[in-house]
């Protein structure tokens, strides 16, 4: 071989070896330094163009505005403030992202494969592409009404309104709320102060009380018990059931009573027992007529045990341990270890209104590119039949009686058929001191053509006396707004 070629080859091998050694050193020893630089460049690139909007219909609830800075040119803004903070979450280079900002990040930051045309156009123009938009199913006016009603009640709480036939979520309000704008600020001091404030607030305003927390459902759980009883025994609204104002469950000294001695007769129809919310009836049915499997199976058919993704993740509601008669007696009046989310309770009402078919809850109407053109529509998926049509019909009779002449009369809407169930739930603090009762209502309304138009659940945390009546009143207001076409 020519000596000059040999020397050239040796030099090339030495250089190649040095390159491999340097790459290995960087990969194993300087990785974090280089990764940090790469992450910083990625972050700067992300903030050099507007992130996509999140909308409720045509109302912008999250947007990117010019920051006036040279490095980070845009920052996140939430123009509707507290009303939608539980839905949008935040997007911050200091603290990451949450809620829809996290769940739909790839659309909002423009990296989703659904935005392929924007990718192509950005390559042609050599510009950074803007993000796409997320259009939710929420009705902005209805969301504001729900939030304001919870605020007026003066306690923490949540409200969910859904379309029973599609599963689309029309309102999902949590009180107290929060405005994520300052946590999303590009100014580190502003973001840190806001982050500290929201995390040290004992009311935990960043918690979505409709899906990120659960509560004892009180007598609204009797809807599930009634469904299980009807399907297991073939009963109907007119079937005679045990009542009375006291019941001693087996193997316990705890006597179950009714709230106001409203069920003195030893026997009454299922409709009357449901209308009057007789604790004694439903505790006895669960001990004497139904098994633990009957109850848990029915609850699961309605969605218990599922962590719904709307795409916001929720806690899975649970019945707890109901293997013992004494436990089951308490659980069947919505106490013991039963825990339920507000969203789950709205789904139960919607399923009954929808003739027994349960629809998956959905918060996304459509995803669009930066120009507003749809790249994907939201799903409207059935979760299957929870109960048969005959059972749903009997349950609607029970729920109509509650609103027409029972504990849920505050939910009445002139000219419309409305059904529902109230609930009052006892609870204690960490020291077992009893706190004021929770209040619940879940229900539905039919439109003028007799079709299921709206379902709702409202929860009031530690409201005390009159809690369920107030929850029913709020529910009626929300359903009426949907039935009459939206606007306030």
Protein backbone atom coordinates (compact mmCIF):
# COMPACT_ATOMS: atom_id res chain seq x y z
CA UNK A 1 0.00 0.00 0.00
CA UNK A 2 1.15 3.52 -0.76
CA UNK A 3 2.71 5.03 2.47
CA UNK A 4 0.70 8.23 2.03
CA UNK A 5 -2.57 6.29 1.83
CA UNK A 6 -1.57 4.25 4.87
CA UNK A 7 -0.93 7.39 6.91
CA UNK A 8 -4.22 8.88 5.76
CA UNK A 9 -6.08 5.71 6.73
CA UNK A 10 -4.49 5.61 10.17
CA UNK A 11 -5.37 9.26 10.73
CA UNK A 12 -8.98 8.57 9.73
CA UNK A 13 -9.17 5.66 12.19
CA UNK A 14 -7.74 7.80 14.97
CA UNK A 15 -10.26 10.57 14.26
CA UNK A 16 -13.10 8.05 14.12
CA UNK A 17 -12.01 6.59 17.43
CA UNK A 18 -11.86 10.07 18.97
CA UNK A 19 -15.36 10.82 17.68
CA UNK A 20 -16.73 7.59 19.15
CA UNK A 21 -15.00 8.30 22.46
CA UNK A 22 -16.40 11.84 22.55
CA UNK A 23 -19.93 10.63 21.72
CA UNK A 24 -19.69 7.98 24.42
CA UNK A 25 -18.44 10.54 26.96
CA UNK A 26 -21.26 12.93 26.10
CA UNK A 27 -23.88 10.17 26.18
CA UNK A 28 -22.83 8.78 29.54
CA UNK A 29 -21.28 11.67 31.44
CA UNK A 30 -22.51 14.98 29.98
CA UNK A 31 -25.99 13.81 29.01
CA UNK A 32 -27.83 15.93 31.56
CA UNK A 33 -26.03 19.13 30.53
CA UNK A 34 -26.78 18.62 26.86
CA UNK A 35 -30.35 17.43 27.59
CA UNK A 36 -30.92 20.57 29.62
CA UNK A 37 -29.79 22.70 26.70
CA UNK A 38 -32.00 20.69 24.33
CA UNK A 39 -35.01 21.04 26.64
CA UNK A 40 -34.40 24.77 26.92
CA UNK A 41 -34.26 25.13 23.13
CA UNK A 42 -37.46 23.07 22.81
CA UNK A 43 -39.17 25.25 25.41
CA UNK A 44 -38.08 28.45 23.69
CA UNK A 45 -39.35 27.08 20.36
CA UNK A 46 -42.67 26.11 21.95
CA UNK A 47 -43.17 29.62 23.35
CA UNK A 48 -42.16 31.31 20.10
CA UNK A 49 -45.57 30.64 18.51
CA UNK A 50 -49.11 30.69 19.92
CA UNK A 51 -50.29 27.53 21.64
CA UNK A 52 -53.76 26.52 20.47
CA UNK A 53 -56.98 27.70 22.07
CA UNK A 54 -59.40 25.78 24.26
CA UNK A 55 -63.00 26.81 23.67
CA UNK A 56 -66.48 26.25 25.08
CA UNK A 57 -68.48 26.60 21.87
CA UNK A 58 -67.18 29.87 20.48
CA UNK A 59 -66.07 31.20 23.87
CA UNK A 60 -62.30 31.15 24.39
CA UNK A 61 -61.38 29.69 27.78
CA UNK A 62 -57.62 29.30 27.20
CA UNK A 63 -55.39 31.19 24.79
CA UNK A 64 -51.83 32.38 24.19
CA UNK A 65 -51.12 36.10 24.19
CA UNK A 66 -47.94 38.02 23.23
CA UNK A 67 -45.81 38.36 26.34
CA UNK A 68 -43.62 41.22 25.16
CA UNK A 69 -40.54 39.11 25.95
CA UNK A 70 -37.73 38.27 23.57
CA UNK A 71 -37.12 34.67 24.68
CA UNK A 72 -40.62 33.47 25.55
CA UNK A 73 -42.82 35.39 23.14
CA UNK A 74 -46.21 34.05 24.25
CA UNK A 75 -47.79 33.16 27.57
CA UNK A 76 -51.01 31.43 28.55
CA UNK A 77 -54.14 33.34 29.52
CA UNK A 78 -57.50 32.10 30.83
CA UNK A 79 -60.05 34.84 30.09
CA UNK A 80 -63.00 33.14 31.84
CA UNK A 81 -61.07 32.84 35.10
CA UNK A 82 -62.56 30.73 37.87
CA UNK A 83 -65.44 29.41 35.79
CA UNK A 84 -63.33 26.95 33.78
CA UNK A 85 -60.11 26.48 35.74
CA UNK A 86 -61.11 22.94 36.74
CA UNK A 87 -61.48 22.08 33.05
CA UNK A 88 -58.55 23.85 31.37
CA UNK A 89 -55.95 23.34 34.07
CA UNK A 90 -52.71 25.25 33.49
CA UNK A 91 -49.71 25.23 31.14
CA UNK A 92 -46.51 26.54 32.69
CA UNK A 93 -42.83 26.09 31.90
CA UNK A 94 -42.25 26.26 35.65
CA UNK A 95 -44.78 23.61 36.73
CA UNK A 96 -45.74 21.67 33.61
CA UNK A 97 -49.40 21.26 32.71
CA UNK A 98 -52.65 19.78 34.01
CA UNK A 99 -56.23 18.89 33.04
CA UNK A 100 -57.09 19.60 29.35
CA UNK A 101 -53.82 21.45 28.83
CA UNK A 102 -52.07 18.15 29.61
CA UNK A 103 -54.60 15.72 28.11
CA UNK A 104 -54.65 17.49 24.73
CA UNK A 105 -51.07 18.77 24.77
CA UNK A 106 -50.06 17.36 21.37
CA UNK A 107 -52.90 19.19 19.60
CA UNK A 108 -52.36 22.42 21.50
CA UNK A 109 -48.58 22.52 20.94
CA UNK A 110 -48.91 21.44 17.30
CA UNK A 111 -47.03 18.14 17.54
CA UNK A 112 -50.04 15.86 16.88
CA UNK A 113 -50.04 13.73 13.72
CA UNK A 114 -53.53 15.10 13.09
CA UNK A 115 -51.87 18.37 12.08
CA UNK A 116 -49.87 16.84 9.19
CA UNK A 117 -50.84 19.59 6.74
CA UNK A 118 -49.66 22.25 9.17
CA UNK A 119 -46.37 20.29 9.40
CA UNK A 120 -46.01 20.40 5.62
CA UNK A 121 -46.86 24.08 5.37
CA UNK A 122 -44.46 24.97 8.18
CA UNK A 123 -41.69 23.11 6.30
CA UNK A 124 -42.45 25.01 3.09
CA UNK A 125 -42.54 28.42 4.77
CA UNK A 126 -39.71 27.59 7.21
CA UNK A 127 -41.85 28.88 10.07
CA UNK A 128 -42.66 27.35 13.44
CA UNK A 129 -46.20 25.98 13.25
CA UNK A 130 -48.86 27.18 15.72
CA UNK A 131 -50.91 24.72 17.77
CA UNK A 132 -54.36 23.40 16.99
CA UNK A 133 -57.51 24.09 18.99
CA UNK A 134 -59.65 22.03 21.37
CA UNK A 135 -63.38 22.76 21.20
CA UNK A 136 -65.21 21.32 24.20
CA UNK A 137 -68.83 20.24 24.51
CA UNK A 138 -69.38 22.77 27.31
CA UNK A 139 -72.06 25.46 27.08
CA UNK A 140 -70.36 28.58 28.42
CA UNK A 141 -73.56 30.20 29.71
CA UNK A 142 -74.63 26.99 31.43
CA UNK A 143 -71.19 26.57 33.01
CA UNK A 144 -71.35 30.11 34.38
CA UNK A 145 -74.87 29.52 35.74
CA UNK A 146 -73.77 26.31 37.45
CA UNK A 147 -70.70 27.92 39.00
CA UNK A 148 -72.61 30.99 40.20
CA UNK A 149 -75.33 28.81 41.74
CA UNK A 150 -72.72 26.83 43.67
CA UNK A 151 -71.07 30.06 44.79
CA UNK A 152 -74.42 31.44 45.94
CA UNK A 153 -74.98 28.30 48.01
CA UNK A 154 -71.91 29.34 49.96
CA UNK A 155 -70.22 25.93 50.28
CA UNK A 156 -67.81 23.83 48.27
CA UNK A 157 -69.48 21.70 45.63
CA UNK A 158 -69.84 20.52 42.07
CA UNK A 159 -72.40 20.29 39.29
CA UNK A 160 -72.43 18.20 36.11
CA UNK A 161 -74.96 18.50 33.28
CA UNK A 162 -74.95 15.98 30.42
CA UNK A 163 -76.91 15.09 27.31
CA UNK A 164 -78.31 11.62 28.12
CA UNK A 165 -78.49 10.54 24.47
CA UNK A 166 -74.89 11.36 23.56
CA UNK A 167 -72.90 11.57 26.79
CA UNK A 168 -71.75 15.09 25.91
CA UNK A 169 -70.93 17.12 29.02
CA UNK A 170 -72.72 20.47 28.86
CA UNK A 171 -71.44 21.85 32.17
CA UNK A 172 -68.91 20.63 34.71
CA UNK A 173 -68.50 23.27 37.40
CA UNK A 174 -66.49 23.05 40.60
CA UNK A 175 -66.58 25.59 43.43
CA UNK A 176 -64.45 27.25 44.64
CA UNK A 177 -62.63 27.68 41.36
CA UNK A 178 -59.36 29.26 40.38
CA UNK A 179 -57.78 31.23 37.56
CA UNK A 180 -54.66 29.45 36.23
CA UNK A 181 -53.27 32.56 34.47
CA UNK A 182 -50.71 33.54 37.08
CA UNK A 183 -49.41 30.00 37.59
CA UNK A 184 -48.90 29.94 33.81
CA UNK A 185 -47.04 33.26 33.83
CA UNK A 186 -43.61 33.48 32.17
CA UNK A 187 -42.45 35.53 35.14
CA UNK A 188 -40.95 33.08 37.62
CA UNK A 189 -41.75 35.13 40.71
CA UNK A 190 -45.39 35.56 39.67
CA UNK A 191 -45.78 31.87 38.86
CA UNK A 192 -44.14 30.76 42.12
CA UNK A 193 -46.29 33.06 44.26
CA UNK A 194 -49.47 31.85 42.53
CA UNK A 195 -48.42 28.19 42.81
CA UNK A 196 -47.73 28.57 46.51
CA UNK A 197 -51.02 30.37 47.12
CA UNK A 198 -53.20 27.78 45.39
CA UNK A 199 -51.44 24.84 47.02
CA UNK A 200 -51.61 26.34 50.51
CA UNK A 201 -55.30 27.30 50.22
CA UNK A 202 -57.18 24.99 52.59
CA UNK A 203 -60.20 25.03 50.24
CA UNK A 204 -58.05 23.46 47.51
CA UNK A 205 -59.60 25.46 44.63
CA UNK A 206 -57.57 23.64 41.96
CA UNK A 207 -59.32 20.36 42.85
CA UNK A 208 -62.11 19.42 40.46
CA UNK A 209 -64.87 18.36 42.83
CA UNK A 210 -66.88 16.76 40.04
CA UNK A 211 -64.38 14.02 39.22
CA UNK A 212 -61.17 14.27 41.24
CA UNK A 213 -62.95 13.73 44.56
CA UNK A 214 -65.72 11.41 45.74
CA UNK A 215 -68.27 11.58 48.52
CA UNK A 216 -70.89 9.44 50.31
CA UNK A 217 -73.94 9.71 48.02
CA UNK A 218 -76.63 9.45 50.66
CA UNK A 219 -80.07 8.54 49.40
CA UNK A 220 -79.22 9.07 45.73
CA UNK A 221 -77.71 5.56 46.00
CA UNK A 222 -81.24 4.26 46.47
CA UNK A 223 -81.63 4.67 42.71
CA UNK A 224 -79.11 1.87 42.21
CA UNK A 225 -80.75 -0.24 44.93
CA UNK A 226 -84.17 0.21 43.31
CA UNK A 227 -82.74 -0.82 39.93
CA UNK A 228 -81.18 -3.94 41.44
CA UNK A 229 -84.41 -4.84 43.24
CA UNK A 230 -86.56 -4.40 40.13
CA UNK A 231 -84.26 -6.50 37.95
CA UNK A 232 -83.64 -9.21 40.56
CA UNK A 233 -87.28 -9.73 41.58
CA UNK A 234 -89.41 -8.41 38.71
CA UNK A 235 -90.88 -5.74 40.99
CA UNK A 236 -92.43 -2.54 39.67
CA UNK A 237 -93.37 0.87 41.09
CA UNK A 238 -96.55 -0.55 42.62
CA UNK A 239 -94.93 -3.51 44.39
CA UNK A 240 -95.47 -3.51 48.16
CA UNK A 241 -92.25 -3.31 50.18
CA UNK A 242 -91.44 -3.19 53.92
CA UNK A 243 -91.25 0.22 55.58
CA UNK A 244 -91.65 1.46 59.16
CA UNK A 245 -89.60 4.08 60.97
CA UNK A 246 -87.04 1.73 62.54
CA UNK A 247 -85.02 -1.23 61.33
CA UNK A 248 -82.48 -3.29 63.31
CA UNK A 249 -80.01 -4.85 60.85
CA UNK A 250 -78.46 -8.20 61.87
CA UNK A 251 -75.24 -8.30 63.88
CA UNK A 252 -75.17 -4.64 64.88
CA UNK A 253 -76.52 -2.36 67.57
CA UNK A 254 -76.99 0.48 65.07
CA UNK A 255 -80.69 1.13 64.48
CA UNK A 256 -81.59 2.58 61.08
CA UNK A 257 -84.25 5.29 61.19
CA UNK A 258 -85.81 7.75 58.76
CA UNK A 259 -85.01 11.43 58.67
CA UNK A 260 -88.40 12.60 60.02
CA UNK A 261 -90.48 9.49 60.80
CA UNK A 262 -92.07 9.90 57.37
CA UNK A 263 -92.63 6.17 56.77
CA UNK A 264 -94.75 4.91 59.73
CA UNK A 265 -96.65 2.22 57.81
CA UNK A 266 -95.07 -1.22 57.95
CA UNK A 267 -95.65 -1.66 54.24
CA UNK A 268 -96.04 0.68 51.26
CA UNK A 269 -95.47 0.73 47.52
CA UNK A 270 -91.94 0.95 46.16
CA UNK A 271 -92.90 4.27 44.58
CA UNK A 272 -93.98 5.76 47.91
CA UNK A 273 -90.94 4.40 49.74
CA UNK A 274 -88.69 5.96 47.10
CA UNK A 275 -90.67 9.21 47.02
CA UNK A 276 -90.47 9.57 50.80
CA UNK A 277 -86.88 8.26 50.87
CA UNK A 278 -87.50 5.57 53.50
CA UNK A 279 -84.12 4.44 54.81
CA UNK A 280 -85.74 1.47 56.50
CA UNK A 281 -87.13 0.15 53.23
CA UNK A 282 -83.89 0.19 51.26
CA UNK A 283 -81.78 -1.14 54.12
CA UNK A 284 -84.18 -4.08 54.54
CA UNK A 285 -84.35 -4.78 50.81
CA UNK A 286 -80.57 -5.03 50.66
CA UNK A 287 -80.41 -7.40 53.62
CA UNK A 288 -83.50 -9.53 53.01
CA UNK A 289 -84.00 -9.49 49.24
CA UNK A 290 -80.67 -8.66 47.57
CA UNK A 291 -77.17 -10.08 47.75
CA UNK A 292 -73.89 -8.18 47.78
CA UNK A 293 -73.38 -9.31 44.16
CA UNK A 294 -76.78 -7.90 43.16
CA UNK A 295 -75.75 -4.47 44.44
CA UNK A 296 -72.15 -4.39 43.22
CA UNK A 297 -73.11 -5.78 39.81
CA UNK A 298 -75.80 -3.14 39.32
CA UNK A 299 -73.46 -0.37 40.46
CA UNK A 300 -70.82 -1.58 37.99
CA UNK A 301 -73.37 -1.63 35.16
CA UNK A 302 -73.94 2.07 35.85
CA UNK A 303 -70.18 2.76 35.82
CA UNK A 304 -68.88 2.14 39.35
CA UNK A 305 -65.29 0.94 39.23
CA UNK A 306 -64.51 2.86 36.02
CA UNK A 307 -62.09 5.78 35.96
CA UNK A 308 -63.83 7.73 33.19
CA UNK A 309 -61.57 9.57 30.76
CA UNK A 310 -63.45 12.43 29.13
CA UNK A 311 -60.38 12.85 28.42
CA UNK A 312 -60.04 14.22 31.97
CA UNK A 313 -59.43 11.29 34.29
CA UNK A 314 -61.80 10.74 37.21
CA UNK A 315 -61.80 8.68 40.35
CA UNK A 316 -63.68 5.40 40.06
CA UNK A 317 -66.75 5.32 42.30
CA UNK A 318 -66.94 2.37 44.71
CA UNK A 319 -69.40 0.50 46.90
CA UNK A 320 -66.78 -0.61 49.43
CA UNK A 321 -67.15 -3.77 51.49
CA UNK A 322 -70.81 -4.83 51.59
CA UNK A 323 -70.28 -8.52 52.30
CA UNK A 324 -71.81 -8.34 55.79
CA UNK A 325 -75.53 -7.64 56.32
CA UNK A 326 -74.82 -4.74 58.67
CA UNK A 327 -72.46 -3.12 56.16
CA UNK A 328 -74.91 -3.62 53.31
CA UNK A 329 -77.79 -2.06 55.25
CA UNK A 330 -75.80 1.14 55.71
CA UNK A 331 -74.34 1.12 52.19
CA UNK A 332 -77.79 0.87 50.61
CA UNK A 333 -78.76 4.22 52.09
CA UNK A 334 -75.55 5.72 50.68
CA UNK A 335 -73.39 5.56 53.79
CA UNK A 336 -70.75 3.07 55.06
CA UNK A 337 -67.91 2.94 52.46
CA UNK A 338 -69.91 3.96 49.38
CA UNK A 339 -68.14 6.79 47.55
CA UNK A 340 -69.31 8.45 44.36
CA UNK A 341 -68.25 11.27 42.06
CA UNK A 342 -70.63 13.95 40.87
CA UNK A 343 -69.99 12.88 37.28
CA UNK A 344 -70.95 9.28 38.11
CA UNK A 345 -74.21 10.41 39.70
CA UNK A 346 -75.10 12.41 36.57
CA UNK A 347 -74.36 9.35 34.42
CA UNK A 348 -76.79 7.24 36.47
CA UNK A 349 -79.58 9.76 35.95
CA UNK A 350 -78.77 10.07 32.25
CA UNK A 351 -78.79 6.29 31.77
CA UNK A 352 -82.26 5.98 33.30
CA UNK A 353 -83.56 8.82 31.12
CA UNK A 354 -81.97 7.17 28.05
CA UNK A 355 -84.05 4.00 28.49
CA UNK A 356 -81.21 2.11 30.19
CA UNK A 357 -78.40 2.70 27.70
CA UNK A 358 -75.31 4.25 29.28
CA UNK A 359 -73.31 6.65 27.16
CA UNK A 360 -69.64 7.33 27.79
CA UNK A 361 -69.17 10.89 29.13
CA UNK A 362 -67.40 13.11 26.61
CA UNK A 363 -65.90 16.59 26.95
CA UNK A 364 -64.44 17.00 23.44
CA UNK A 365 -66.64 18.27 20.62
CA UNK A 366 -63.86 18.49 18.03
CA UNK A 367 -60.17 19.17 17.46
CA UNK A 368 -59.17 21.70 14.83
CA UNK A 369 -56.04 22.99 13.13
CA UNK A 370 -54.80 26.53 13.71
CA UNK A 371 -57.25 27.83 11.07
CA UNK A 372 -60.25 26.26 12.80
CA UNK A 373 -60.74 23.41 10.33
CA UNK A 374 -61.82 20.17 12.02
CA UNK A 375 -59.21 17.40 12.06
CA UNK A 376 -61.11 15.06 14.41
CA UNK A 377 -64.59 14.95 15.94
CA UNK A 378 -65.27 13.86 19.49
CA UNK A 379 -66.73 10.42 20.12
CA UNK A 380 -70.28 9.58 21.07
CA UNK A 381 -69.80 6.05 22.35
CA UNK A 382 -72.23 3.74 24.09
CA UNK A 383 -71.01 1.83 27.13
CA UNK A 384 -73.79 -0.70 26.57
CA UNK A 385 -77.09 -1.35 28.29
CA UNK A 386 -76.95 -0.93 32.06
CA UNK A 387 -80.59 -1.95 32.63
CA UNK A 388 -83.38 -3.08 30.35
CA UNK A 389 -86.01 -0.69 29.04
CA UNK A 390 -88.75 -1.93 31.39
CA UNK A 391 -86.55 -1.33 34.43
CA UNK A 392 -85.70 2.16 33.20
CA UNK A 393 -89.40 2.90 32.78
CA UNK A 394 -90.19 1.84 36.35
CA UNK A 395 -87.27 3.89 37.70
CA UNK A 396 -88.54 6.94 35.83
CA UNK A 397 -91.91 6.50 37.57
CA UNK A 398 -90.15 6.45 40.94
CA UNK A 399 -88.07 9.52 40.12
CA UNK A 400 -91.00 11.47 38.71
CA UNK A 401 -92.87 10.89 41.98
CA UNK A 402 -89.93 12.37 43.93
CA UNK A 403 -90.14 15.61 41.96
CA UNK A 404 -93.92 15.79 41.61
CA UNK A 405 -94.80 15.12 45.23
CA UNK A 406 -91.73 14.24 47.23
CA UNK A 407 -88.37 15.45 48.50
CA UNK A 408 -87.26 16.79 45.10
CA UNK A 409 -90.12 19.19 44.40
CA UNK A 410 -87.67 22.12 44.09
CA UNK A 411 -86.54 20.64 40.76
CA UNK A 412 -89.98 21.02 39.13
CA UNK A 413 -90.06 22.80 35.74
CA UNK A 414 -93.42 24.01 34.44
CA UNK A 415 -94.46 22.21 31.27
CA UNK A 416 -91.80 19.48 31.43
CA UNK A 417 -91.53 15.97 32.85
CA UNK A 418 -88.78 15.88 35.45
CA UNK A 419 -87.54 13.05 37.64
CA UNK A 420 -84.84 12.79 40.26
CA UNK A 421 -83.66 11.71 43.69
CA UNK A 422 -82.43 13.77 46.61
CA UNK A 423 -79.72 12.65 48.99
CA UNK A 424 -78.49 13.72 52.41
CA UNK A 425 -75.20 12.20 53.53
CA UNK A 426 -73.72 12.17 57.01
CA UNK A 427 -69.95 12.50 57.35
CA UNK A 428 -67.28 13.27 59.94
CA UNK A 429 -63.88 14.92 60.11
CA UNK A 430 -60.62 13.09 60.84
CA UNK A 431 -61.42 13.15 64.57
CA UNK A 432 -64.85 11.57 64.02
CA UNK A 433 -66.65 14.81 64.81
CA UNK A 434 -69.89 14.94 62.81
CA UNK A 435 -69.97 17.74 60.26
CA UNK A 436 -73.01 19.38 58.61
CA UNK A 437 -74.68 17.05 56.12
CA UNK A 438 -73.81 16.90 52.44
CA UNK A 439 -76.64 17.58 49.98
CA UNK A 440 -77.24 15.82 46.64
CA UNK A 441 -79.68 15.74 43.79
CA UNK A 442 -79.47 13.78 40.55
CA UNK A 443 -82.16 13.79 37.93
CA UNK A 444 -83.28 14.29 34.35
CA UNK A 445 -85.86 16.10 32.23
CA UNK A 446 -87.64 15.25 29.00
CA UNK A 447 -88.18 17.77 26.22
CA UNK A 448 -91.55 18.72 24.78
CA UNK A 449 -91.49 15.62 22.56
CA UNK A 450 -90.94 13.33 25.54
CA UNK A 451 -87.31 12.60 24.63
CA UNK A 452 -84.45 12.65 27.18
CA UNK A 453 -82.96 16.13 26.92
CA UNK A 454 -80.79 16.65 29.99
CA UNK A 455 -79.45 14.91 33.10
CA UNK A 456 -77.81 16.55 36.09
CA UNK A 457 -76.11 15.94 39.40
CA UNK A 458 -75.44 18.63 42.01
CA UNK A 459 -73.41 18.16 45.18
CA UNK A 460 -73.13 20.60 48.12
CA UNK A 461 -70.37 19.85 50.60
CA UNK A 462 -71.33 20.18 54.30
CA UNK A 463 -74.29 22.46 53.57
CA UNK A 464 -76.32 21.27 56.55
CA UNK A 465 -80.08 21.74 56.99
CA UNK A 466 -81.92 21.90 53.67
CA UNK A 467 -78.93 20.66 51.68
CA UNK A 468 -80.77 18.33 49.30
CA UNK A 469 -83.58 20.85 48.71
CA UNK A 470 -80.98 23.44 47.66
CA UNK A 471 -79.27 20.91 45.39
CA UNK A 472 -82.64 20.12 43.79
CA UNK A 473 -83.33 23.82 43.26
CA UNK A 474 -79.99 24.33 41.50
CA UNK A 475 -80.61 21.23 39.39
CA UNK A 476 -83.99 22.51 38.26
CA UNK A 477 -82.45 25.84 37.23
CA UNK A 478 -79.76 24.12 35.16
CA UNK A 479 -82.15 21.71 33.45
CA UNK A 480 -84.57 24.53 32.65
CA UNK A 481 -81.80 26.51 30.99
CA UNK A 482 -81.01 23.57 28.73
CA UNK A 483 -84.66 22.93 27.90
CA UNK A 484 -85.32 26.55 27.06
CA UNK A 485 -82.35 26.87 24.76
CA UNK A 486 -79.34 27.96 26.76
CA UNK A 487 -79.07 31.68 27.39
CA UNK A 488 -79.23 33.19 30.82
